[in-house]
Each structure stands twice: as C-alpha cells, then as structure tokens.
Amino acid sequence: VEVVETGGGLVQPGGSLNLSCTFSGFTSGVTFSGYGLGWFRQAPGTERELIAFISNMGGLTNYAGTVKDRFTISRDDEKKVVYLQMNNLKPRDTAVYYCRAQRTTVYYWGQGIQVTVSS
C-alpha cells in the first residue's frame, strides 16, 4: 500500500491549510472504507500524538482537545483519501503531520509532511 501526503507548508498564524493523504494499492477483497483513519503530529522533542480520527464508513469522528473546533477530518472512500482541514492555525500547531489507516492490527502510515505556523 502506498500512502502520499500533500498540502503542508508555511502559513501565518490564523491561516488555514488542508492536508490530504491518498492511499493506493489495497489488495482485492479489502476495501478502504473498512479502515479507521487518523491524523497524528509530532513536534521536535515530543512524542507522536493522535489529533483526529474518523471511523470506518465515517460515522464517528474524534479530536484532541488542542485542535477541537479548529480542525476537521473527513474521508472520501471512493477516492481513497483522508483530509485534515486546519483553520485558525497557531504556532504551537507546528509539527510533522502523519496520516494512518488502521484495520485490526494492520497499519499504513504516511511519510509525514511539515506544517510550520509562523509570522
């Protein structure tokens, strides 16, 4: 399975970014819609943390308190993409962002993409 993340970069405080994570190469019989999807981030010197999650089929979402009401996770199962819309970005949001697909004990990670919030 190949995972490609796009959409990161440098943005000023208060700005917005939309991260995308595209999956490909799933074997037949295993549908993308059956995977739970998450966005994680890791700032220098810290552990990787889960900040947003969307369940398989998209019926449930959950957010870390630090991003709730500013970030929105969504998925397009037909395109095999998970998105993270980030609004009102703050300098403390600066980190490498990773997407992950999970189904039971199977995990697929994105390569990570830098988001820098600075004036």
C-alpha atoms as a PDB file:
ATOM      1  CA  VAL A   1       0.000   0.000   0.000  1.00  0.00           C
ATOM      2  CA  GLU A   2       1.350   3.407  -0.982  1.00  0.00           C
ATOM      3  CA  VAL A   3       0.471   6.487   1.047  1.00  0.00           C
ATOM      4  CA  VAL A   4       1.128  10.016  -0.175  1.00  0.00           C
ATOM      5  CA  GLU A   5       0.557  13.135   1.888  1.00  0.00           C
ATOM      6  CA  THR A   6       0.202  16.606   0.409  1.00  0.00           C
ATOM      7  CA  GLY A   7      -0.804  20.090   1.479  1.00  0.00           C
ATOM      8  CA  GLY A   8       1.716  21.059   4.116  1.00  0.00           C
ATOM      9  CA  GLY A   9       3.864  24.168   4.183  1.00  0.00           C
ATOM     10  CA  LEU A  10       4.369  27.515   5.851  1.00  0.00           C
ATOM     11  CA  VAL A  11       1.383  29.558   6.971  1.00  0.00           C
ATOM     12  CA  GLN A  12       0.906  32.626   9.124  1.00  0.00           C
ATOM     13  CA  PRO A  13      -0.895  32.420  12.468  1.00  0.00           C
ATOM     14  CA  GLY A  14      -4.625  32.474  11.903  1.00  0.00           C
ATOM     15  CA  GLY A  15      -4.278  30.921   8.475  1.00  0.00           C
ATOM     16  CA  SER A  16      -5.564  27.630   7.088  1.00  0.00           C
ATOM     17  CA  LEU A  17      -4.188  24.536   5.419  1.00  0.00           C
ATOM     18  CA  ASN A  18      -5.842  21.416   4.063  1.00  0.00           C
ATOM     19  CA  LEU A  19      -3.810  18.229   4.264  1.00  0.00           C
ATOM     20  CA  SER A  20      -4.604  15.277   2.031  1.00  0.00           C
ATOM     21  CA  CYS A  21      -3.495  11.684   2.314  1.00  0.00           C
ATOM     22  CA  THR A  22      -4.066   9.374  -0.639  1.00  0.00           C
ATOM     23  CA  PHE A  23      -3.882   5.602  -0.359  1.00  0.00           C
ATOM     24  CA  SER A  24      -3.381   3.158  -3.189  1.00  0.00           C
ATOM     25  CA  GLY A  25      -2.506  -0.469  -3.751  1.00  0.00           C
ATOM     26  CA  PHE A  26      -5.014  -2.174  -1.495  1.00  0.00           C
ATOM     27  CA  THR A  27      -5.404  -5.814  -2.394  1.00  0.00           C
ATOM     28  CA  SER A  28      -8.698  -7.128  -3.672  1.00  0.00           C
ATOM     29  CA  GLY A  29     -11.197  -8.037  -1.007  1.00  0.00           C
ATOM     30  CA  VAL A  30     -10.009  -5.368   1.451  1.00  0.00           C
ATOM     31  CA  THR A  31     -11.886  -2.150   0.975  1.00  0.00           C
ATOM     32  CA  PHE A  32     -10.570   1.243   2.021  1.00  0.00           C
ATOM     33  CA  SER A  33     -13.886   2.021   3.685  1.00  0.00           C
ATOM     34  CA  GLY A  34     -13.174  -0.679   6.248  1.00  0.00           C
ATOM     35  CA  TYR A  35     -10.207   1.235   7.679  1.00  0.00           C
ATOM     36  CA  GLY A  36     -10.278   3.722  10.502  1.00  0.00           C
ATOM     37  CA  LEU A  37      -8.253   6.814   9.592  1.00  0.00           C
ATOM     38  CA  GLY A  38      -6.268   9.118  11.794  1.00  0.00           C
ATOM     39  CA  TRP A  39      -4.062  12.176  11.693  1.00  0.00           C
ATOM     40  CA  PHE A  40      -1.128  12.403  14.055  1.00  0.00           C
ATOM     41  CA  ARG A  41       1.515  15.041  14.600  1.00  0.00           C
ATOM     42  CA  GLN A  42       4.942  15.173  16.138  1.00  0.00           C
ATOM     43  CA  ALA A  43       6.752  18.330  17.174  1.00  0.00           C
ATOM     44  CA  PRO A  44      10.515  18.295  17.834  1.00  0.00           C
ATOM     45  CA  GLY A  45      11.304  16.665  21.153  1.00  0.00           C
ATOM     46  CA  THR A  46       7.793  15.311  21.655  1.00  0.00           C
ATOM     47  CA  GLU A  47       6.017  12.032  21.068  1.00  0.00           C
ATOM     48  CA  ARG A  48       3.710  11.490  18.138  1.00  0.00           C
ATOM     49  CA  GLU A  49       0.139  12.232  19.167  1.00  0.00           C
ATOM     50  CA  LEU A  50      -3.223  11.394  17.672  1.00  0.00           C
ATOM     51  CA  ILE A  51      -5.129  14.591  16.932  1.00  0.00           C
ATOM     52  CA  ALA A  52      -8.053  13.478  14.784  1.00  0.00           C
ATOM     53  CA  PHE A  53      -9.782  10.203  13.976  1.00  0.00           C
ATOM     54  CA  ILE A  54     -12.590   9.134  11.688  1.00  0.00           C
ATOM     55  CA  SER A  55     -14.086   5.678  11.885  1.00  0.00           C
ATOM     56  CA  ASN A  56     -14.619   3.258   9.040  1.00  0.00           C
ATOM     57  CA  MET A  57     -17.566   4.422   6.962  1.00  0.00           C
ATOM     58  CA  GLY A  58     -17.105   7.881   8.522  1.00  0.00           C
ATOM     59  CA  GLY A  59     -19.751   7.505  11.178  1.00  0.00           C
ATOM     60  CA  LEU A  60     -17.660   8.755  14.088  1.00  0.00           C
ATOM     61  CA  THR A  61     -15.042  11.464  14.496  1.00  0.00           C
ATOM     62  CA  ASN A  62     -12.951  12.392  17.484  1.00  0.00           C
ATOM     63  CA  TYR A  63     -10.435  15.171  18.149  1.00  0.00           C
ATOM     64  CA  ALA A  64      -7.747  16.043  20.630  1.00  0.00           C
ATOM     65  CA  GLY A  65      -8.655  18.982  22.812  1.00  0.00           C
ATOM     66  CA  THR A  66      -5.832  21.062  21.339  1.00  0.00           C
ATOM     67  CA  VAL A  67      -7.393  21.033  17.854  1.00  0.00           C
ATOM     68  CA  LYS A  68     -11.100  20.573  18.527  1.00  0.00           C
ATOM     69  CA  ASP A  69     -13.252  23.207  16.832  1.00  0.00           C
ATOM     70  CA  ARG A  70     -10.348  24.257  14.590  1.00  0.00           C
ATOM     71  CA  PHE A  71      -9.528  21.066  12.660  1.00  0.00           C
ATOM     72  CA  THR A  72     -11.900  18.840  10.689  1.00  0.00           C
ATOM     73  CA  ILE A  73     -11.166  15.321   9.489  1.00  0.00           C
ATOM     74  CA  SER A  74     -13.076  13.846   6.569  1.00  0.00           C
ATOM     75  CA  ARG A  75     -12.760  10.987   4.115  1.00  0.00           C
ATOM     76  CA  ASP A  76     -13.633  10.145   0.546  1.00  0.00           C
ATOM     77  CA  ASP A  77     -13.759   6.378   0.279  1.00  0.00           C
ATOM     78  CA  GLU A  78     -14.234   6.391  -3.467  1.00  0.00           C
ATOM     79  CA  LYS A  79     -11.003   8.368  -3.950  1.00  0.00           C
ATOM     80  CA  LYS A  80      -9.292   6.636  -1.002  1.00  0.00           C
ATOM     81  CA  VAL A  81      -8.362   9.942   0.583  1.00  0.00           C
ATOM     82  CA  VAL A  82      -8.451  11.333   4.101  1.00  0.00           C
ATOM     83  CA  TYR A  83      -8.358  15.081   4.653  1.00  0.00           C
ATOM     84  CA  LEU A  84      -7.493  17.352   7.539  1.00  0.00           C
ATOM     85  CA  GLN A  85      -8.828  20.875   7.236  1.00  0.00           C
ATOM     86  CA  MET A  86      -6.914  23.080   9.654  1.00  0.00           C
ATOM     87  CA  ASN A  87      -8.229  26.546  10.466  1.00  0.00           C
ATOM     88  CA  ASN A  88      -7.050  29.290  12.809  1.00  0.00           C
ATOM     89  CA  LEU A  89      -3.594  27.782  12.925  1.00  0.00           C
ATOM     90  CA  LYS A  90      -1.316  28.669  15.816  1.00  0.00           C
ATOM     91  CA  PRO A  91       2.458  28.485  16.204  1.00  0.00           C
ATOM     92  CA  ARG A  92       2.007  25.514  18.554  1.00  0.00           C
ATOM     93  CA  ASP A  93       0.489  23.579  15.647  1.00  0.00           C
ATOM     94  CA  THR A  94       3.947  23.481  14.053  1.00  0.00           C
ATOM     95  CA  ALA A  95       4.876  19.822  13.614  1.00  0.00           C
ATOM     96  CA  VAL A  96       5.269  16.978  11.168  1.00  0.00           C
ATOM     97  CA  TYR A  97       1.831  15.588  10.386  1.00  0.00           C
ATOM     98  CA  TYR A  98       1.208  11.917   9.629  1.00  0.00           C
ATOM     99  CA  CYS A  99      -1.857  10.078   8.409  1.00  0.00           C
ATOM    100  CA  ARG A 100      -2.599   6.464   9.251  1.00  0.00           C
ATOM    101  CA  ALA A 101      -5.069   3.824   8.137  1.00  0.00           C
ATOM    102  CA  GLN A 102      -5.825   1.075  10.601  1.00  0.00           C
ATOM    103  CA  ARG A 103      -7.797  -2.152  10.345  1.00  0.00           C
ATOM    104  CA  THR A 104      -7.431  -4.525  13.303  1.00  0.00           C
ATOM    105  CA  THR A 105      -3.641  -4.966  13.649  1.00  0.00           C
ATOM    106  CA  VAL A 106      -2.770  -3.649  10.193  1.00  0.00           C
ATOM    107  CA  TYR A 107      -1.438  -0.098   9.941  1.00  0.00           C
ATOM    108  CA  TYR A 108      -0.395   2.038   6.972  1.00  0.00           C
ATOM    109  CA  TRP A 109       1.420   5.318   7.658  1.00  0.00           C
ATOM    110  CA  GLY A 110       2.027   8.330   5.510  1.00  0.00           C
ATOM    111  CA  GLN A 111       5.549   9.650   5.087  1.00  0.00           C
ATOM    112  CA  GLY A 112       4.898  12.766   7.148  1.00  0.00           C
ATOM    113  CA  ILE A 113       4.556  16.353   5.999  1.00  0.00           C
ATOM    114  CA  GLN A 114       5.839  19.522   7.619  1.00  0.00           C
ATOM    115  CA  VAL A 115       3.442  22.216   8.784  1.00  0.00           C
ATOM    116  CA  THR A 116       5.024  25.418  10.049  1.00  0.00           C
ATOM    117  CA  VAL A 117       2.971  28.231  11.548  1.00  0.00           C
ATOM    118  CA  SER A 118       4.992  31.390  11.810  1.00  0.00           C
ATOM    119  CA  SER A 119       4.841  35.075  11.016  1.00  0.00           C
END
